[in-house]
Amino acid sequence: MFPLVEFPALVQHYAPCFEKVFSAESFLQFERYISGLLVSENKTVDGINRLFVHESRHQSSLNRLLTQSPFSLEDLNQARLTLLGSLPGTQMKRNGVMSVDDTLLIHYGDHFDQIASLWDPPTGRYVWAHDLVSLHYSDDDTDSPRRFQLWKPTDVDALERGLVAAGIRLRESKQTLKSAAPPQMAELLAKGGAPPSAPTRNGRLVSEQTPHRRAIASGLGQGASRPHVAGDL
């Protein structure tokens, strides 16, 4: 791969549309990152950083953009949508369609934030995964993602408060589970807001079935909500 001595013309032309989202330093790293994604065969942070021989920087600067830079993903996506809406070829049209889909990002292990055991139709089994819910636009000329958000598993503590508020209380014989056996307590609470057969594992809620597309669509942009999940109130 040849090194870069300047940003690609495509980046120079469109990057200013996103400048207000970032600080001056973060915007420079944003330009470097997008340039690397476009032209680098090695799309890791280190691989992208090595492209820029005329302005050598430590890879930690680019890494901070992706992990610590305090820019808003919502503002960044809105800037992208504004850009798409300003171009005739990518504007939304009357004959365009919107589709909602969710993609399971499967992990091997359960020690991840916001992970859940979800039903995977292709394999016919439950898997530990993140669930990426996306809203996609398509017409005869173009297609593009519009919104995206990770579905978040049910908060068991919030579920308990909701059950209490609804007048559903635990029997006295079950009160000690919260301190003596937290996983069993979580499972008991989940059964209170789901069918008796709804599975749990190690105190984590498990999806009862795959999402209903229209219901997911109604939650996009305001906190995506996955229906038919064990423990939902």
C-alpha atoms as a PDB file:
ATOM      1  CA  MET A   1       0.000   0.000   0.000  1.00  0.00           C
ATOM      2  CA  PHE A   2       1.377   3.392  -1.029  1.00  0.00           C
ATOM      3  CA  PRO A   3       1.656   6.013   1.748  1.00  0.00           C
ATOM      4  CA  LEU A   4      -0.608   9.064   1.756  1.00  0.00           C
ATOM      5  CA  VAL A   5       0.923  12.504   1.313  1.00  0.00           C
ATOM      6  CA  GLU A   6      -2.463  14.278   1.483  1.00  0.00           C
ATOM      7  CA  PHE A   7      -6.088  13.436   2.158  1.00  0.00           C
ATOM      8  CA  PRO A   8      -7.971  11.911  -0.800  1.00  0.00           C
ATOM      9  CA  ALA A   9      -9.963  14.423  -2.870  1.00  0.00           C
ATOM     10  CA  LEU A  10     -13.220  12.794  -1.743  1.00  0.00           C
ATOM     11  CA  VAL A  11     -12.345  13.398   1.907  1.00  0.00           C
ATOM     12  CA  GLN A  12     -11.218  16.973   1.260  1.00  0.00           C
ATOM     13  CA  HIS A  13     -14.509  17.711  -0.506  1.00  0.00           C
ATOM     14  CA  TYR A  14     -16.977  16.245   1.998  1.00  0.00           C
ATOM     15  CA  ALA A  15     -15.165  16.331   5.353  1.00  0.00           C
ATOM     16  CA  PRO A  16     -16.034  20.027   6.022  1.00  0.00           C
ATOM     17  CA  CYS A  17     -19.684  18.948   6.330  1.00  0.00           C
ATOM     18  CA  PHE A  18     -18.715  17.216   9.584  1.00  0.00           C
ATOM     19  CA  GLU A  19     -16.285  19.780  10.982  1.00  0.00           C
ATOM     20  CA  LYS A  20     -18.705  21.330  13.481  1.00  0.00           C
ATOM     21  CA  VAL A  21     -19.150  17.953  15.188  1.00  0.00           C
ATOM     22  CA  PHE A  22     -15.516  17.791  16.336  1.00  0.00           C
ATOM     23  CA  SER A  23     -12.844  19.836  18.030  1.00  0.00           C
ATOM     24  CA  ALA A  24      -9.996  20.963  15.750  1.00  0.00           C
ATOM     25  CA  GLU A  25      -7.695  18.093  16.774  1.00  0.00           C
ATOM     26  CA  SER A  26     -10.463  15.473  16.653  1.00  0.00           C
ATOM     27  CA  PHE A  27     -11.531  16.675  13.210  1.00  0.00           C
ATOM     28  CA  LEU A  28      -8.000  16.122  11.888  1.00  0.00           C
ATOM     29  CA  GLN A  29      -8.055  12.574  13.292  1.00  0.00           C
ATOM     30  CA  PHE A  30     -11.498  12.073  11.758  1.00  0.00           C
ATOM     31  CA  GLU A  31     -10.100  13.003   8.323  1.00  0.00           C
ATOM     32  CA  ARG A  32      -7.189  10.605   8.828  1.00  0.00           C
ATOM     33  CA  TYR A  33      -9.504   7.796   9.916  1.00  0.00           C
ATOM     34  CA  ILE A  34     -11.938   8.177   6.997  1.00  0.00           C
ATOM     35  CA  SER A  35      -9.025   8.385   4.549  1.00  0.00           C
ATOM     36  CA  GLY A  36      -7.616   5.171   5.967  1.00  0.00           C
ATOM     37  CA  LEU A  37     -10.943   3.361   5.714  1.00  0.00           C
ATOM     38  CA  LEU A  38     -11.163   4.358   2.055  1.00  0.00           C
ATOM     39  CA  VAL A  39      -7.684   3.435   0.863  1.00  0.00           C
ATOM     40  CA  SER A  40      -5.927   1.223   3.408  1.00  0.00           C
ATOM     41  CA  GLU A  41      -5.860  -2.553   3.061  1.00  0.00           C
ATOM     42  CA  ASN A  42      -5.105  -2.759   6.779  1.00  0.00           C
ATOM     43  CA  LYS A  43      -8.024  -0.955   8.415  1.00  0.00           C
ATOM     44  CA  THR A  44      -6.789  -1.253  11.994  1.00  0.00           C
ATOM     45  CA  VAL A  45      -5.824   1.894  13.903  1.00  0.00           C
ATOM     46  CA  ASP A  46      -2.146   1.020  13.541  1.00  0.00           C
ATOM     47  CA  GLY A  47      -2.508   0.225   9.836  1.00  0.00           C
ATOM     48  CA  ILE A  48      -4.286   3.502   9.105  1.00  0.00           C
ATOM     49  CA  ASN A  49      -1.823   5.523  11.156  1.00  0.00           C
ATOM     50  CA  ARG A  50       1.118   4.141   9.168  1.00  0.00           C
ATOM     51  CA  LEU A  51      -0.278   5.555   5.917  1.00  0.00           C
ATOM     52  CA  PHE A  52       0.527   9.140   6.829  1.00  0.00           C
ATOM     53  CA  VAL A  53       4.256   9.461   6.366  1.00  0.00           C
ATOM     54  CA  HIS A  54       4.201  13.237   5.863  1.00  0.00           C
ATOM     55  CA  GLU A  55       2.643  13.834   9.290  1.00  0.00           C
ATOM     56  CA  SER A  56       3.838  11.164  11.655  1.00  0.00           C
ATOM     57  CA  ARG A  57       1.765  10.793  14.809  1.00  0.00           C
ATOM     58  CA  HIS A  58       1.473   8.149  17.472  1.00  0.00           C
ATOM     59  CA  GLN A  59      -1.414   5.755  16.906  1.00  0.00           C
ATOM     60  CA  SER A  60      -2.803   6.627  20.345  1.00  0.00           C
ATOM     61  CA  SER A  61      -4.014   9.954  18.906  1.00  0.00           C
ATOM     62  CA  LEU A  62      -6.237   8.139  16.433  1.00  0.00           C
ATOM     63  CA  ASN A  63      -7.236   5.592  19.032  1.00  0.00           C
ATOM     64  CA  ARG A  64      -8.472   8.383  21.334  1.00  0.00           C
ATOM     65  CA  LEU A  65     -10.806   9.605  18.593  1.00  0.00           C
ATOM     66  CA  LEU A  66     -12.562   6.244  18.639  1.00  0.00           C
ATOM     67  CA  THR A  67     -12.541   5.618  22.391  1.00  0.00           C
ATOM     68  CA  GLN A  68     -12.345   8.908  24.305  1.00  0.00           C
ATOM     69  CA  SER A  69     -13.140  11.864  22.050  1.00  0.00           C
ATOM     70  CA  PRO A  70     -16.272  13.592  23.437  1.00  0.00           C
ATOM     71  CA  PHE A  71     -18.122  14.057  20.153  1.00  0.00           C
ATOM     72  CA  SER A  72     -21.782  13.099  19.780  1.00  0.00           C
ATOM     73  CA  LEU A  73     -22.594  10.091  17.610  1.00  0.00           C
ATOM     74  CA  GLU A  74     -26.097  11.504  17.160  1.00  0.00           C
ATOM     75  CA  ASP A  75     -24.684  14.819  15.888  1.00  0.00           C
ATOM     76  CA  LEU A  76     -22.305  12.947  13.592  1.00  0.00           C
ATOM     77  CA  ASN A  77     -25.126  10.860  12.133  1.00  0.00           C
ATOM     78  CA  GLN A  78     -27.317  13.946  11.741  1.00  0.00           C
ATOM     79  CA  ALA A  79     -24.527  15.696   9.820  1.00  0.00           C
ATOM     80  CA  ARG A  80     -24.334  12.651   7.550  1.00  0.00           C
ATOM     81  CA  LEU A  81     -28.113  12.685   6.967  1.00  0.00           C
ATOM     82  CA  THR A  82     -28.004  16.419   6.229  1.00  0.00           C
ATOM     83  CA  LEU A  83     -25.284  15.812   3.652  1.00  0.00           C
ATOM     84  CA  LEU A  84     -27.252  12.970   2.038  1.00  0.00           C
ATOM     85  CA  GLY A  85     -30.355  15.149   1.935  1.00  0.00           C
ATOM     86  CA  SER A  86     -28.496  17.953   0.175  1.00  0.00           C
ATOM     87  CA  LEU A  87     -27.429  15.813  -2.792  1.00  0.00           C
ATOM     88  CA  PRO A  88     -29.963  14.938  -5.532  1.00  0.00           C
ATOM     89  CA  GLY A  89     -28.633  11.415  -5.897  1.00  0.00           C
ATOM     90  CA  THR A  90     -29.015  10.525  -2.224  1.00  0.00           C
ATOM     91  CA  GLN A  91     -32.104  12.525  -1.238  1.00  0.00           C
ATOM     92  CA  MET A  92     -35.103  10.544   0.012  1.00  0.00           C
ATOM     93  CA  LYS A  93     -37.695  10.154  -2.756  1.00  0.00           C
ATOM     94  CA  ARG A  94     -41.415   9.439  -2.878  1.00  0.00           C
ATOM     95  CA  ASN A  95     -40.850   5.940  -4.248  1.00  0.00           C
ATOM     96  CA  GLY A  96     -38.233   5.077  -1.627  1.00  0.00           C
ATOM     97  CA  VAL A  97     -38.829   2.474   1.059  1.00  0.00           C
ATOM     98  CA  MET A  98     -37.672   2.189   4.662  1.00  0.00           C
ATOM     99  CA  SER A  99     -36.839  -1.171   6.201  1.00  0.00           C
ATOM    100  CA  VAL A 100     -36.112  -2.158   9.782  1.00  0.00           C
ATOM    101  CA  ASP A 101     -33.809  -5.022  10.604  1.00  0.00           C
ATOM    102  CA  ASP A 102     -31.809  -6.354  13.499  1.00  0.00           C
ATOM    103  CA  THR A 103     -28.492  -8.142  13.308  1.00  0.00           C
ATOM    104  CA  LEU A 104     -27.094 -10.366  16.024  1.00  0.00           C
ATOM    105  CA  LEU A 105     -23.431  -9.671  16.744  1.00  0.00           C
ATOM    106  CA  ILE A 106     -22.506 -13.020  18.266  1.00  0.00           C
ATOM    107  CA  HIS A 107     -19.837 -13.246  20.982  1.00  0.00           C
ATOM    108  CA  TYR A 108     -18.202 -16.301  22.475  1.00  0.00           C
ATOM    109  CA  GLY A 109     -18.504 -15.512  26.167  1.00  0.00           C
ATOM    110  CA  ASP A 110     -20.984 -13.558  28.266  1.00  0.00           C
ATOM    111  CA  HIS A 111     -18.761 -10.958  29.968  1.00  0.00           C
ATOM    112  CA  PHE A 112     -19.757  -8.025  27.762  1.00  0.00           C
ATOM    113  CA  ASP A 113     -21.813  -4.934  28.548  1.00  0.00           C
ATOM    114  CA  GLN A 114     -25.411  -5.049  27.306  1.00  0.00           C
ATOM    115  CA  ILE A 115     -25.113  -8.615  26.023  1.00  0.00           C
ATOM    116  CA  ALA A 116     -28.015 -11.061  26.222  1.00  0.00           C
ATOM    117  CA  SER A 117     -28.875 -14.627  25.303  1.00  0.00           C
ATOM    118  CA  LEU A 118     -30.992 -14.200  22.157  1.00  0.00           C
ATOM    119  CA  TRP A 119     -32.692 -16.585  19.768  1.00  0.00           C
ATOM    120  CA  ASP A 120     -30.774 -16.982  16.494  1.00  0.00           C
ATOM    121  CA  PRO A 121     -33.134 -18.281  13.749  1.00  0.00           C
ATOM    122  CA  PRO A 122     -30.409 -19.450  11.280  1.00  0.00           C
ATOM    123  CA  THR A 123     -28.822 -21.748  13.863  1.00  0.00           C
ATOM    124  CA  GLY A 124     -32.003 -22.582  15.773  1.00  0.00           C
ATOM    125  CA  ARG A 125     -30.461 -21.906  19.171  1.00  0.00           C
ATOM    126  CA  TYR A 126     -29.846 -19.214  21.765  1.00  0.00           C
ATOM    127  CA  VAL A 127     -26.553 -17.304  21.426  1.00  0.00           C
ATOM    128  CA  TRP A 128     -24.807 -14.633  23.467  1.00  0.00           C
ATOM    129  CA  ALA A 129     -24.942 -11.526  21.308  1.00  0.00           C
ATOM    130  CA  HIS A 130     -25.454  -7.820  20.938  1.00  0.00           C
ATOM    131  CA  ASP A 131     -28.470  -6.908  18.819  1.00  0.00           C
ATOM    132  CA  LEU A 132     -27.921  -4.044  16.359  1.00  0.00           C
ATOM    133  CA  VAL A 133     -31.240  -2.551  15.233  1.00  0.00           C
ATOM    134  CA  SER A 134     -31.049  -0.491  12.045  1.00  0.00           C
ATOM    135  CA  LEU A 135     -33.354   1.591   9.873  1.00  0.00           C
ATOM    136  CA  HIS A 136     -32.388   1.501   6.174  1.00  0.00           C
ATOM    137  CA  TYR A 137     -33.555   3.595   3.202  1.00  0.00           C
ATOM    138  CA  SER A 138     -33.568   2.367  -0.412  1.00  0.00           C
ATOM    139  CA  ASP A 139     -34.809   3.568  -3.811  1.00  0.00           C
ATOM    140  CA  ASP A 140     -33.953   2.920  -7.475  1.00  0.00           C
ATOM    141  CA  ASP A 141     -30.846   5.113  -7.307  1.00  0.00           C
ATOM    142  CA  THR A 142     -29.358   4.690  -3.863  1.00  0.00           C
ATOM    143  CA  ASP A 143     -29.580   3.102  -0.452  1.00  0.00           C
ATOM    144  CA  SER A 144     -28.185   4.136   2.907  1.00  0.00           C
ATOM    145  CA  PRO A 145     -28.526   3.402   6.625  1.00  0.00           C
ATOM    146  CA  ARG A 146     -30.549   6.077   8.432  1.00  0.00           C
ATOM    147  CA  ARG A 147     -30.550   5.145  12.105  1.00  0.00           C
ATOM    148  CA  PHE A 148     -28.954   2.451  14.212  1.00  0.00           C
ATOM    149  CA  GLN A 149     -28.895   1.530  17.879  1.00  0.00           C
ATOM    150  CA  LEU A 150     -27.980  -1.388  20.102  1.00  0.00           C
ATOM    151  CA  TRP A 151     -30.950  -3.044  21.773  1.00  0.00           C
ATOM    152  CA  LYS A 152     -30.451  -3.052  25.539  1.00  0.00           C
ATOM    153  CA  PRO A 153     -31.436  -5.991  27.763  1.00  0.00           C
ATOM    154  CA  THR A 154     -34.027  -5.456  30.454  1.00  0.00           C
ATOM    155  CA  ASP A 155     -32.816  -3.858  33.701  1.00  0.00           C
ATOM    156  CA  VAL A 156     -33.708  -6.411  36.373  1.00  0.00           C
ATOM    157  CA  ASP A 157     -33.746  -3.804  39.167  1.00  0.00           C
ATOM    158  CA  ALA A 158     -36.135  -1.644  37.141  1.00  0.00           C
ATOM    159  CA  LEU A 159     -38.236  -4.748  36.478  1.00  0.00           C
ATOM    160  CA  GLU A 160     -38.515  -5.424  40.203  1.00  0.00           C
ATOM    161  CA  ARG A 161     -39.630  -1.841  40.865  1.00  0.00           C
ATOM    162  CA  GLY A 162     -42.182  -2.111  38.065  1.00  0.00           C
ATOM    163  CA  LEU A 163     -43.638  -5.324  39.430  1.00  0.00           C
ATOM    164  CA  VAL A 164     -43.948  -3.785  42.884  1.00  0.00           C
ATOM    165  CA  ALA A 165     -45.593  -0.677  41.421  1.00  0.00           C
ATOM    166  CA  ALA A 166     -48.057  -2.939  39.597  1.00  0.00           C
ATOM    167  CA  GLY A 167     -48.990  -4.631  42.871  1.00  0.00           C
ATOM    168  CA  ILE A 168     -47.141  -7.878  42.144  1.00  0.00           C
ATOM    169  CA  ARG A 169     -45.207  -8.806  45.254  1.00  0.00           C
ATOM    170  CA  LEU A 170     -42.960 -11.728  46.109  1.00  0.00           C
ATOM    171  CA  ARG A 171     -44.127 -14.367  48.532  1.00  0.00           C
ATOM    172  CA  GLU A 172     -42.455 -14.198  51.937  1.00  0.00           C
ATOM    173  CA  SER A 173     -40.677 -17.486  51.229  1.00  0.00           C
ATOM    174  CA  LYS A 174     -38.902 -15.892  48.256  1.00  0.00           C
ATOM    175  CA  GLN A 175     -37.758 -12.656  49.927  1.00  0.00           C
ATOM    176  CA  THR A 176     -34.364 -14.057  50.961  1.00  0.00           C
ATOM    177  CA  LEU A 177     -33.398 -14.958  47.389  1.00  0.00           C
ATOM    178  CA  LYS A 178     -32.186 -11.443  46.619  1.00  0.00           C
ATOM    179  CA  SER A 179     -29.224 -11.748  48.976  1.00  0.00           C
ATOM    180  CA  ALA A 180     -28.862 -15.538  49.155  1.00  0.00           C
ATOM    181  CA  ALA A 181     -29.240 -16.444  45.477  1.00  0.00           C
ATOM    182  CA  PRO A 182     -29.223 -13.432  43.099  1.00  0.00           C
ATOM    183  CA  PRO A 183     -29.458 -15.538  39.890  1.00  0.00           C
ATOM    184  CA  GLN A 184     -32.593 -17.305  41.136  1.00  0.00           C
ATOM    185  CA  MET A 185     -34.025 -13.940  42.178  1.00  0.00           C
ATOM    186  CA  ALA A 186     -33.449 -12.520  38.709  1.00  0.00           C
ATOM    187  CA  GLU A 187     -35.085 -15.590  37.180  1.00  0.00           C
ATOM    188  CA  LEU A 188     -38.098 -15.283  39.461  1.00  0.00           C
ATOM    189  CA  LEU A 189     -38.564 -11.614  38.542  1.00  0.00           C
ATOM    190  CA  ALA A 190     -38.252 -12.414  34.869  1.00  0.00           C
ATOM    191  CA  LYS A 191     -40.979 -15.046  35.158  1.00  0.00           C
ATOM    192  CA  GLY A 192     -43.194 -12.371  36.684  1.00  0.00           C
ATOM    193  CA  GLY A 193     -43.190 -10.390  33.453  1.00  0.00           C
ATOM    194  CA  ALA A 194     -42.957 -13.179  30.914  1.00  0.00           C
ATOM    195  CA  PRO A 195     -44.480 -16.571  30.016  1.00  0.00           C
ATOM    196  CA  PRO A 196     -43.614 -19.365  32.488  1.00  0.00           C
ATOM    197  CA  SER A 197     -41.387 -21.032  29.888  1.00  0.00           C
ATOM    198  CA  ALA A 198     -39.261 -17.919  29.271  1.00  0.00           C
ATOM    199  CA  PRO A 199     -35.638 -18.962  29.874  1.00  0.00           C
ATOM    200  CA  THR A 200     -32.961 -17.177  31.863  1.00  0.00           C
ATOM    201  CA  ARG A 201     -29.289 -17.965  32.396  1.00  0.00           C
ATOM    202  CA  ASN A 202     -27.099 -16.930  35.327  1.00  0.00           C
ATOM    203  CA  GLY A 203     -29.611 -14.273  36.262  1.00  0.00           C
ATOM    204  CA  ARG A 204     -29.645 -12.753  32.755  1.00  0.00           C
ATOM    205  CA  LEU A 205     -32.805 -12.464  30.709  1.00  0.00           C
ATOM    206  CA  VAL A 206     -33.133 -14.515  27.569  1.00  0.00           C
ATOM    207  CA  SER A 207     -35.070 -13.505  24.470  1.00  0.00           C
ATOM    208  CA  GLU A 208     -38.318 -15.419  23.995  1.00  0.00           C
ATOM    209  CA  GLN A 209     -38.492 -14.964  20.219  1.00  0.00           C
ATOM    210  CA  THR A 210     -37.216 -12.839  17.344  1.00  0.00           C
ATOM    211  CA  PRO A 211     -38.357  -9.205  17.107  1.00  0.00           C
ATOM    212  CA  HIS A 212     -41.521  -7.966  15.482  1.00  0.00           C
ATOM    213  CA  ARG A 213     -40.313  -5.470  12.877  1.00  0.00           C
ATOM    214  CA  ARG A 214     -43.076  -2.871  13.250  1.00  0.00           C
ATOM    215  CA  ALA A 215     -42.681  -2.727  17.003  1.00  0.00           C
ATOM    216  CA  ILE A 216     -38.932  -2.190  16.699  1.00  0.00           C
ATOM    217  CA  ALA A 217     -39.489   0.583  14.160  1.00  0.00           C
ATOM    218  CA  SER A 218     -41.645   2.498  16.602  1.00  0.00           C
ATOM    219  CA  GLY A 219     -38.754   2.611  19.064  1.00  0.00           C
ATOM    220  CA  LEU A 220     -35.975   3.730  16.720  1.00  0.00           C
ATOM    221  CA  GLY A 221     -34.532   7.108  17.588  1.00  0.00           C
ATOM    222  CA  GLN A 222     -36.079   7.013  21.068  1.00  0.00           C
ATOM    223  CA  GLY A 223     -34.342   3.957  22.480  1.00  0.00           C
ATOM    224  CA  ALA A 224     -34.939   0.842  20.419  1.00  0.00           C
ATOM    225  CA  SER A 225     -37.249  -1.602  22.137  1.00  0.00           C
ATOM    226  CA  ARG A 226     -37.261  -5.341  21.470  1.00  0.00           C
ATOM    227  CA  PRO A 227     -40.727  -6.867  22.042  1.00  0.00           C
ATOM    228  CA  HIS A 228     -41.459 -10.375  23.309  1.00  0.00           C
ATOM    229  CA  VAL A 229     -38.432 -10.426  25.603  1.00  0.00           C
ATOM    230  CA  ALA A 230     -38.484 -12.289  28.871  1.00  0.00           C
ATOM    231  CA  GLY A 231     -38.955  -9.767  31.667  1.00  0.00           C
ATOM    232  CA  ASP A 232     -40.318  -6.800  29.686  1.00  0.00           C
ATOM    233  CA  LEU A 233     -43.086  -5.046  31.654  1.00  0.00           C
END
